[in-house]
Amino acid sequence: MWHDRALPSGPERIGFWTVLRGSLLPVLVWTGVSCFTYFVYNPVVTMVLGGLFALSFGVGFGLRRRAMHSVRCSAYGALGGVLDKSMAGF
């Protein structure tokens, strides 16, 4: 497979929309959860969920930057990682 050029010869750039398209289900689930908590419980609960999401994103971004990834790679990887790990329970 490597010798038949089925895989690219080097790193390929991907766009932000490609990352979101691959993570569409988690984005929809978390949008639904945040809307539900906003209207049923309290906007504070939604802010806490958003803060946990931002904290997880920040930790993932920092770990990737420490591993010498580019800023773009770190941002996309952190977003994809948070969405992937948050759906582990479903």
Protein backbone atom coordinates (compact mmCIF):
# COMPACT_ATOMS: atom_id res chain seq x y z
CA MET A 1 0.00 0.00 0.00
CA TRP A 2 2.84 2.40 0.77
CA HIS A 3 4.57 1.71 -2.54
CA ASP A 4 1.45 2.07 -4.67
CA ARG A 5 1.05 5.70 -3.60
CA ALA A 6 -2.26 5.01 -1.86
CA LEU A 7 -1.15 7.27 0.97
CA PRO A 8 0.26 10.76 0.53
CA SER A 9 4.02 11.13 0.51
CA GLY A 10 3.97 13.71 3.28
CA PRO A 11 1.69 15.66 5.60
CA GLU A 12 -1.48 16.98 4.00
CA ARG A 13 -3.31 20.13 5.07
CA ILE A 14 -6.88 19.74 6.19
CA GLY A 15 -9.40 22.51 6.64
CA PHE A 16 -11.35 23.45 9.73
CA TRP A 17 -14.63 22.38 8.09
CA THR A 18 -13.15 18.94 7.44
CA VAL A 19 -12.51 18.59 11.16
CA LEU A 20 -16.05 19.70 12.02
CA ARG A 21 -17.63 17.51 9.33
CA GLY A 22 -15.89 14.49 10.83
CA SER A 23 -17.16 15.51 14.27
CA LEU A 24 -20.69 16.50 13.29
CA LEU A 25 -22.50 14.10 15.62
CA PRO A 26 -20.65 15.24 18.79
CA VAL A 27 -21.21 18.89 17.86
CA LEU A 28 -24.94 18.28 17.43
CA VAL A 29 -25.14 16.30 20.68
CA TRP A 30 -23.37 18.99 22.69
CA THR A 31 -25.47 21.72 21.10
CA GLY A 32 -28.58 19.82 22.13
CA VAL A 33 -27.27 19.23 25.66
CA SER A 34 -26.40 22.90 26.10
CA CYS A 35 -29.80 24.05 24.80
CA PHE A 36 -31.55 21.57 27.09
CA THR A 37 -29.62 22.68 30.19
CA TYR A 38 -30.12 26.35 29.32
CA PHE A 39 -33.91 26.13 29.08
CA VAL A 40 -34.65 23.40 31.63
CA TYR A 41 -32.16 24.06 34.41
CA ASN A 42 -30.31 27.33 34.41
CA PRO A 43 -27.93 29.29 32.17
CA VAL A 44 -25.26 28.81 34.84
CA VAL A 45 -25.25 25.06 34.18
CA THR A 46 -24.65 25.76 30.50
CA MET A 47 -21.78 28.09 31.37
CA VAL A 48 -20.23 25.38 33.55
CA LEU A 49 -20.46 22.89 30.67
CA GLY A 50 -18.90 25.45 28.34
CA GLY A 51 -16.13 26.06 30.87
CA LEU A 52 -15.38 22.34 31.10
CA PHE A 53 -15.26 22.16 27.32
CA ALA A 54 -12.91 25.18 27.18
CA LEU A 55 -10.70 23.75 29.93
CA SER A 56 -10.42 20.40 28.13
CA PHE A 57 -9.64 22.20 24.88
CA GLY A 58 -6.96 24.29 26.59
CA VAL A 59 -5.29 21.27 28.17
CA GLY A 60 -5.32 19.37 24.87
CA PHE A 61 -3.95 22.38 23.01
CA GLY A 62 -1.19 22.87 25.57
CA LEU A 63 -0.16 19.22 25.47
CA ARG A 64 0.03 19.26 21.70
CA ARG A 65 2.04 22.49 21.66
CA ARG A 66 4.43 21.01 24.22
CA ALA A 67 4.89 18.06 21.85
CA MET A 68 6.04 20.62 19.22
CA HIS A 69 2.96 20.49 16.98
CA SER A 70 2.04 23.56 14.97
CA VAL A 71 -0.63 25.93 16.24
CA ARG A 72 -3.08 24.77 13.57
CA CYS A 73 -2.42 21.10 14.26
CA SER A 74 -2.76 21.72 18.00
CA ALA A 75 -6.07 23.56 17.63
CA TYR A 76 -7.61 21.00 15.28
CA GLY A 77 -6.31 18.07 17.33
CA ALA A 78 -7.53 19.56 20.59
CA LEU A 79 -11.00 20.20 19.17
CA GLY A 80 -11.23 16.73 17.65
CA GLY A 81 -9.87 15.15 20.82
CA VAL A 82 -12.34 16.89 23.11
CA LEU A 83 -15.27 15.98 20.89
CA ASP A 84 -14.05 12.39 20.51
CA LYS A 85 -13.43 11.82 24.23
CA SER A 86 -16.67 13.49 25.26
CA MET A 87 -18.65 10.99 23.18
CA ALA A 88 -16.97 7.95 24.77
CA GLY A 89 -19.91 7.44 27.14
CA PHE A 90 -22.48 7.39 24.35
